[in-house]
Amino acid sequence: MTAGRDLDLLDRLSQTSRALGVITAELRVCQVYDTPLNSETLRKTGNTLRSLGEALLARAAELDGTPPAYPGRCALCGAEPVSHPHAEAWMVENRFCADCIDHCLTDTHHDHWCPIDTFARAHETHPQNKARIDV
């Protein structure tokens, strides 16, 4: 199953890479002919890249499995304190800050996947992970 997820992720990366070349060429033509950039195209491209970037980072974090660089800091952004430092180690609130959790929960894109989702899924599907503090 993991190999299938990795192949799906690599397919997304490949499709995005091909589309990015076409989009970049179209945007350059706009600049050459002094035409304003299309905000909807920029927004859609930005959201696609953000979603793909989060998915890649989530997979890297899943493969890495290391705790955050600064204990007590968010494992995703590394800047903010975790939401509830005294929560049990298997809880999302013990690993991520409130802003990152909120961003994850409010992202409505159907292909959204981030390290918070990966962490939560690992503890949903593998109850034995709840006893591990280093996850």
N, C-alpha and C. Protein backbone atom coordinates (compact mmCIF):
# COMPACT_ATOMS: atom_id res chain seq x y z
N MET A 1 0.82 -1.19 0.00
CA MET A 1 0.00 0.00 0.00
C MET A 1 0.86 1.25 0.00
N THR A 2 1.96 1.25 0.74
CA THR A 2 2.84 2.42 0.79
C THR A 2 3.45 2.68 -0.58
N ALA A 3 3.83 1.62 -1.30
CA ALA A 3 4.40 1.80 -2.63
C ALA A 3 3.38 2.45 -3.56
N GLY A 4 2.12 2.07 -3.44
CA GLY A 4 1.06 2.67 -4.25
C GLY A 4 0.89 4.14 -3.94
N ARG A 5 0.93 4.49 -2.64
CA ARG A 5 0.83 5.90 -2.25
C ARG A 5 2.01 6.70 -2.79
N ASP A 6 3.21 6.09 -2.73
CA ASP A 6 4.39 6.77 -3.25
C ASP A 6 4.29 6.99 -4.75
N LEU A 7 3.79 5.98 -5.47
CA LEU A 7 3.63 6.13 -6.92
C LEU A 7 2.60 7.21 -7.24
N ASP A 8 1.51 7.26 -6.49
CA ASP A 8 0.52 8.33 -6.69
C ASP A 8 1.14 9.70 -6.46
N LEU A 9 1.95 9.80 -5.42
CA LEU A 9 2.62 11.06 -5.11
C LEU A 9 3.58 11.45 -6.23
N LEU A 10 4.33 10.49 -6.73
CA LEU A 10 5.27 10.78 -7.82
C LEU A 10 4.53 11.12 -9.11
N ASP A 11 3.36 10.50 -9.34
CA ASP A 11 2.54 10.86 -10.50
C ASP A 11 2.06 12.30 -10.40
N ARG A 12 1.62 12.70 -9.19
CA ARG A 12 1.20 14.09 -8.98
C ARG A 12 2.34 15.05 -9.25
N LEU A 13 3.54 14.68 -8.78
CA LEU A 13 4.71 15.52 -8.98
C LEU A 13 5.01 15.67 -10.47
N SER A 14 4.95 14.56 -11.20
CA SER A 14 5.22 14.58 -12.64
C SER A 14 4.18 15.41 -13.40
N GLN A 15 2.90 15.22 -13.08
CA GLN A 15 1.84 15.98 -13.74
C GLN A 15 1.98 17.48 -13.45
N THR A 16 2.28 17.81 -12.22
CA THR A 16 2.43 19.21 -11.84
C THR A 16 3.63 19.82 -12.56
N SER A 17 4.70 19.06 -12.66
CA SER A 17 5.90 19.55 -13.34
C SER A 17 5.60 19.86 -14.80
N ARG A 18 4.90 18.95 -15.48
CA ARG A 18 4.56 19.19 -16.89
C ARG A 18 3.64 20.41 -17.03
N ALA A 19 2.63 20.49 -16.18
CA ALA A 19 1.68 21.60 -16.26
C ALA A 19 2.35 22.93 -15.93
N LEU A 20 3.31 22.90 -15.03
CA LEU A 20 3.99 24.12 -14.62
C LEU A 20 4.75 24.76 -15.79
N GLY A 21 5.33 23.93 -16.65
CA GLY A 21 6.02 24.46 -17.83
C GLY A 21 5.07 25.21 -18.75
N VAL A 22 3.89 24.65 -18.97
CA VAL A 22 2.90 25.28 -19.84
C VAL A 22 2.38 26.58 -19.21
N ILE A 23 2.07 26.52 -17.91
CA ILE A 23 1.56 27.70 -17.22
C ILE A 23 2.60 28.82 -17.22
N THR A 24 3.85 28.46 -16.97
CA THR A 24 4.92 29.46 -16.97
C THR A 24 5.06 30.12 -18.34
N ALA A 25 4.97 29.33 -19.40
CA ALA A 25 5.07 29.89 -20.75
C ALA A 25 3.92 30.86 -21.01
N GLU A 26 2.70 30.48 -20.60
CA GLU A 26 1.55 31.36 -20.80
C GLU A 26 1.71 32.66 -20.02
N LEU A 27 2.20 32.57 -18.79
CA LEU A 27 2.38 33.77 -17.98
C LEU A 27 3.48 34.67 -18.55
N ARG A 28 4.52 34.06 -19.12
CA ARG A 28 5.58 34.86 -19.74
C ARG A 28 5.06 35.60 -20.97
N VAL A 29 4.18 34.95 -21.73
CA VAL A 29 3.59 35.62 -22.89
C VAL A 29 2.80 36.84 -22.44
N CYS A 30 2.08 36.70 -21.32
CA CYS A 30 1.35 37.85 -20.77
C CYS A 30 2.30 39.00 -20.47
N GLN A 31 3.44 38.68 -19.91
CA GLN A 31 4.41 39.73 -19.55
C GLN A 31 5.02 40.37 -20.78
N VAL A 32 5.30 39.56 -21.81
CA VAL A 32 5.89 40.10 -23.04
C VAL A 32 4.93 41.07 -23.71
N TYR A 33 3.65 40.73 -23.74
CA TYR A 33 2.65 41.58 -24.40
C TYR A 33 1.99 42.56 -23.44
N ASP A 34 2.60 42.71 -22.27
CA ASP A 34 2.14 43.69 -21.28
C ASP A 34 0.66 43.48 -20.90
N THR A 35 0.28 42.20 -20.81
CA THR A 35 -1.07 41.83 -20.40
C THR A 35 -1.04 41.48 -18.92
N PRO A 36 -2.05 41.91 -18.16
CA PRO A 36 -2.05 41.57 -16.73
C PRO A 36 -2.12 40.05 -16.51
N LEU A 37 -1.47 39.60 -15.47
CA LEU A 37 -1.52 38.18 -15.12
C LEU A 37 -2.92 37.82 -14.66
N ASN A 38 -3.32 36.59 -14.91
CA ASN A 38 -4.63 36.11 -14.49
C ASN A 38 -4.55 35.66 -13.04
N SER A 39 -5.26 36.35 -12.16
CA SER A 39 -5.19 36.04 -10.72
C SER A 39 -5.70 34.64 -10.42
N GLU A 40 -6.71 34.19 -11.15
CA GLU A 40 -7.27 32.85 -10.89
C GLU A 40 -6.23 31.77 -11.23
N THR A 41 -5.50 31.97 -12.33
CA THR A 41 -4.46 31.01 -12.70
C THR A 41 -3.37 30.97 -11.64
N LEU A 42 -2.96 32.15 -11.17
CA LEU A 42 -1.94 32.21 -10.12
C LEU A 42 -2.42 31.54 -8.84
N ARG A 43 -3.67 31.79 -8.47
CA ARG A 43 -4.24 31.21 -7.24
C ARG A 43 -4.31 29.68 -7.35
N LYS A 44 -4.80 29.20 -8.48
CA LYS A 44 -4.93 27.75 -8.67
C LYS A 44 -3.55 27.08 -8.67
N THR A 45 -2.59 27.70 -9.34
CA THR A 45 -1.23 27.16 -9.38
C THR A 45 -0.62 27.15 -7.98
N GLY A 46 -0.79 28.25 -7.26
CA GLY A 46 -0.26 28.33 -5.89
C GLY A 46 -0.86 27.28 -4.97
N ASN A 47 -2.16 27.09 -5.06
CA ASN A 47 -2.82 26.08 -4.22
C ASN A 47 -2.36 24.67 -4.58
N THR A 48 -2.19 24.41 -5.88
CA THR A 48 -1.71 23.09 -6.30
C THR A 48 -0.31 22.84 -5.79
N LEU A 49 0.55 23.85 -5.92
CA LEU A 49 1.93 23.69 -5.44
C LEU A 49 1.98 23.54 -3.93
N ARG A 50 1.14 24.29 -3.21
CA ARG A 50 1.10 24.17 -1.75
C ARG A 50 0.66 22.76 -1.35
N SER A 51 -0.39 22.30 -1.98
CA SER A 51 -0.92 20.97 -1.66
C SER A 51 0.12 19.89 -1.94
N LEU A 52 0.76 19.98 -3.10
CA LEU A 52 1.79 19.00 -3.45
C LEU A 52 2.97 19.10 -2.50
N GLY A 53 3.39 20.31 -2.18
CA GLY A 53 4.50 20.51 -1.24
C GLY A 53 4.20 19.92 0.12
N GLU A 54 2.97 20.13 0.60
CA GLU A 54 2.59 19.57 1.90
C GLU A 54 2.58 18.05 1.85
N ALA A 55 2.11 17.49 0.73
CA ALA A 55 2.10 16.04 0.59
C ALA A 55 3.51 15.47 0.57
N LEU A 56 4.42 16.15 -0.13
CA LEU A 56 5.82 15.71 -0.17
C LEU A 56 6.46 15.80 1.21
N LEU A 57 6.21 16.91 1.90
CA LEU A 57 6.77 17.08 3.24
C LEU A 57 6.19 16.06 4.22
N ALA A 58 4.91 15.77 4.07
CA ALA A 58 4.28 14.78 4.94
C ALA A 58 4.91 13.41 4.74
N ARG A 59 5.15 13.05 3.48
CA ARG A 59 5.76 11.75 3.20
C ARG A 59 7.20 11.71 3.72
N ALA A 60 7.92 12.82 3.56
CA ALA A 60 9.29 12.88 4.07
C ALA A 60 9.29 12.71 5.59
N ALA A 61 8.37 13.40 6.27
CA ALA A 61 8.28 13.29 7.73
C ALA A 61 7.91 11.87 8.14
N GLU A 62 7.04 11.26 7.37
CA GLU A 62 6.64 9.88 7.65
C GLU A 62 7.82 8.93 7.51
N LEU A 63 8.61 9.13 6.47
CA LEU A 63 9.79 8.28 6.26
C LEU A 63 10.88 8.56 7.28
N ASP A 64 11.01 9.83 7.64
CA ASP A 64 12.04 10.25 8.58
C ASP A 64 11.73 9.76 9.99
N GLY A 65 10.55 10.06 10.46
CA GLY A 65 10.12 9.60 11.78
C GLY A 65 10.86 10.22 12.95
N THR A 66 11.57 11.32 12.72
CA THR A 66 12.32 11.95 13.82
C THR A 66 11.43 12.93 14.57
N PRO A 67 11.69 13.12 15.84
CA PRO A 67 10.92 14.12 16.60
C PRO A 67 11.31 15.52 16.15
N PRO A 68 10.53 16.53 16.51
CA PRO A 68 10.85 17.90 16.11
C PRO A 68 12.23 18.33 16.62
N ALA A 69 12.85 19.25 15.88
CA ALA A 69 14.20 19.71 16.23
C ALA A 69 14.24 20.37 17.60
N TYR A 70 13.19 21.07 17.96
CA TYR A 70 13.13 21.75 19.25
C TYR A 70 11.97 21.17 20.05
N PRO A 71 12.25 20.38 21.07
CA PRO A 71 11.17 19.82 21.87
C PRO A 71 10.23 20.92 22.36
N GLY A 72 8.95 20.65 22.29
CA GLY A 72 7.96 21.64 22.70
C GLY A 72 7.55 22.58 21.58
N ARG A 73 8.24 22.50 20.44
CA ARG A 73 7.90 23.31 19.28
C ARG A 73 7.15 22.46 18.26
N CYS A 74 6.36 23.12 17.44
CA CYS A 74 5.56 22.46 16.41
C CYS A 74 6.47 21.66 15.47
N ALA A 75 6.07 20.42 15.19
CA ALA A 75 6.85 19.57 14.29
C ALA A 75 6.72 20.00 12.83
N LEU A 76 5.72 20.83 12.53
CA LEU A 76 5.52 21.26 11.15
C LEU A 76 6.22 22.60 10.87
N CYS A 77 5.89 23.63 11.64
CA CYS A 77 6.49 24.95 11.37
C CYS A 77 7.76 25.18 12.19
N GLY A 78 7.88 24.53 13.34
CA GLY A 78 9.06 24.66 14.18
C GLY A 78 9.18 25.98 14.91
N ALA A 79 8.22 26.88 14.69
CA ALA A 79 8.33 28.21 15.28
C ALA A 79 7.45 28.39 16.51
N GLU A 80 6.28 27.81 16.49
CA GLU A 80 5.32 28.01 17.56
C GLU A 80 5.36 26.86 18.56
N PRO A 81 4.99 27.14 19.81
CA PRO A 81 4.89 26.05 20.79
C PRO A 81 3.73 25.12 20.42
N VAL A 82 3.84 23.88 20.80
CA VAL A 82 2.75 22.93 20.52
C VAL A 82 1.49 23.40 21.23
N SER A 83 0.35 22.98 20.70
CA SER A 83 -0.93 23.42 21.21
C SER A 83 -1.15 23.06 22.68
N HIS A 84 -0.90 21.79 23.03
CA HIS A 84 -1.07 21.33 24.41
C HIS A 84 0.12 20.44 24.78
N PRO A 85 1.18 21.03 25.34
CA PRO A 85 2.40 20.26 25.62
C PRO A 85 2.20 19.14 26.62
N HIS A 86 1.16 19.20 27.43
CA HIS A 86 0.96 18.16 28.43
C HIS A 86 -0.03 17.10 27.99
N ALA A 87 -0.50 17.19 26.73
CA ALA A 87 -1.38 16.15 26.19
C ALA A 87 -0.56 14.87 26.00
N GLU A 88 -1.25 13.76 25.85
CA GLU A 88 -0.55 12.50 25.66
C GLU A 88 0.26 12.55 24.37
N ALA A 89 1.37 11.83 24.32
CA ALA A 89 2.31 11.90 23.21
C ALA A 89 1.69 11.51 21.87
N TRP A 90 0.68 10.68 21.85
CA TRP A 90 0.08 10.24 20.59
C TRP A 90 -0.95 11.24 20.06
N MET A 91 -1.23 12.29 20.81
CA MET A 91 -2.24 13.26 20.36
C MET A 91 -1.61 14.34 19.47
N VAL A 92 -2.35 14.74 18.46
CA VAL A 92 -1.90 15.77 17.52
C VAL A 92 -1.52 17.05 18.26
N GLU A 93 -2.29 17.40 19.29
CA GLU A 93 -2.06 18.65 20.03
C GLU A 93 -0.72 18.67 20.76
N ASN A 94 -0.12 17.50 20.99
CA ASN A 94 1.16 17.41 21.66
C ASN A 94 2.32 17.56 20.67
N ARG A 95 2.01 17.54 19.38
CA ARG A 95 3.04 17.52 18.35
C ARG A 95 3.04 18.77 17.46
N PHE A 96 1.86 19.43 17.33
CA PHE A 96 1.72 20.55 16.40
C PHE A 96 1.10 21.76 17.08
N CYS A 97 1.37 22.95 16.54
CA CYS A 97 0.81 24.18 17.11
C CYS A 97 -0.63 24.38 16.63
N ALA A 98 -1.33 25.26 17.32
CA ALA A 98 -2.75 25.51 17.01
C ALA A 98 -2.92 26.06 15.59
N ASP A 99 -2.02 26.92 15.14
CA ASP A 99 -2.15 27.49 13.79
C ASP A 99 -2.00 26.42 12.71
N CYS A 100 -1.04 25.53 12.85
CA CYS A 100 -0.84 24.47 11.86
C CYS A 100 -2.01 23.49 11.87
N ILE A 101 -2.51 23.17 13.05
CA ILE A 101 -3.68 22.28 13.16
C ILE A 101 -4.88 22.94 12.48
N ASP A 102 -5.08 24.22 12.76
CA ASP A 102 -6.19 24.95 12.16
C ASP A 102 -6.07 24.99 10.64
N HIS A 103 -4.86 25.24 10.13
CA HIS A 103 -4.66 25.26 8.68
C HIS A 103 -4.99 23.91 8.07
N CYS A 104 -4.58 22.84 8.72
CA CYS A 104 -4.86 21.48 8.23
C CYS A 104 -6.37 21.23 8.21
N LEU A 105 -7.05 21.58 9.28
CA LEU A 105 -8.48 21.29 9.39
C LEU A 105 -9.34 22.16 8.46
N THR A 106 -8.88 23.35 8.13
CA THR A 106 -9.68 24.24 7.30
C THR A 106 -9.32 24.18 5.82
N ASP A 107 -8.29 23.43 5.45
CA ASP A 107 -7.93 23.29 4.04
C ASP A 107 -8.96 22.39 3.36
N THR A 108 -9.72 22.95 2.44
CA THR A 108 -10.82 22.22 1.81
C THR A 108 -10.45 21.56 0.49
N HIS A 109 -9.22 21.65 0.09
CA HIS A 109 -8.81 21.01 -1.16
C HIS A 109 -8.88 19.50 -1.02
N HIS A 110 -9.45 18.85 -2.02
CA HIS A 110 -9.68 17.40 -1.93
C HIS A 110 -8.38 16.60 -1.87
N ASP A 111 -7.28 17.16 -2.35
CA ASP A 111 -6.03 16.41 -2.34
C ASP A 111 -5.10 16.86 -1.21
N HIS A 112 -5.66 17.57 -0.23
CA HIS A 112 -4.85 18.03 0.91
C HIS A 112 -4.34 16.84 1.72
N TRP A 113 -3.07 16.84 2.01
CA TRP A 113 -2.45 15.85 2.90
C TRP A 113 -1.22 16.51 3.48
N CYS A 114 -1.08 16.50 4.78
CA CYS A 114 0.06 17.17 5.41
C CYS A 114 0.60 16.29 6.55
N PRO A 115 1.69 16.70 7.18
CA PRO A 115 2.26 15.90 8.27
C PRO A 115 1.27 15.66 9.42
N ILE A 116 0.35 16.58 9.64
CA ILE A 116 -0.64 16.39 10.70
C ILE A 116 -1.55 15.22 10.35
N ASP A 117 -1.99 15.16 9.09
CA ASP A 117 -2.81 14.05 8.64
C ASP A 117 -2.05 12.72 8.75
N THR A 118 -0.78 12.75 8.37
CA THR A 118 0.05 11.54 8.43
C THR A 118 0.20 11.06 9.87
N PHE A 119 0.47 11.99 10.76
CA PHE A 119 0.63 11.65 12.18
C PHE A 119 -0.67 11.07 12.74
N ALA A 120 -1.79 11.75 12.46
CA ALA A 120 -3.08 11.28 12.96
C ALA A 120 -3.43 9.92 12.37
N ARG A 121 -3.20 9.73 11.08
CA ARG A 121 -3.53 8.46 10.43
C ARG A 121 -2.70 7.32 11.02
N ALA A 122 -1.43 7.57 11.29
CA ALA A 122 -0.57 6.53 11.86
C ALA A 122 -1.10 6.07 13.21
N HIS A 123 -1.65 6.99 13.97
CA HIS A 123 -2.14 6.62 15.29
C HIS A 123 -3.56 6.08 15.24
N GLU A 124 -4.30 6.39 14.19
CA GLU A 124 -5.63 5.82 13.99
C GLU A 124 -5.54 4.37 13.56
N THR A 125 -4.65 4.10 12.60
CA THR A 125 -4.58 2.78 12.00
C THR A 125 -3.66 1.82 12.74
N HIS A 126 -2.77 2.34 13.56
CA HIS A 126 -1.84 1.50 14.30
C HIS A 126 -1.90 1.86 15.78
N PRO A 127 -2.86 1.31 16.52
CA PRO A 127 -3.02 1.68 17.93
C PRO A 127 -1.77 1.46 18.77
N GLN A 128 -0.89 0.54 18.36
CA GLN A 128 0.31 0.31 19.15
C GLN A 128 1.21 1.54 19.15
N ASN A 129 1.05 2.43 18.18
CA ASN A 129 1.86 3.65 18.13
C ASN A 129 1.53 4.59 19.27
N LYS A 130 0.36 4.44 19.87
CA LYS A 130 -0.04 5.33 20.94
C LYS A 130 0.92 5.24 22.12
N ALA A 131 1.56 4.11 22.28
CA ALA A 131 2.48 3.94 23.40
C ALA A 131 3.86 4.54 23.10
N ARG A 132 4.14 4.83 21.82
CA ARG A 132 5.45 5.36 21.44
C ARG A 132 5.50 6.86 21.61
N ILE A 133 6.51 7.35 22.25
CA ILE A 133 6.68 8.78 22.46
C ILE A 133 7.49 9.39 21.33
N ASP A 134 8.30 8.61 20.64
CA ASP A 134 9.19 9.17 19.62
C ASP A 134 8.53 9.29 18.25
N VAL A 135 7.26 9.05 18.12
CA VAL A 135 6.59 9.15 16.82
C VAL A 135 6.25 10.58 16.53
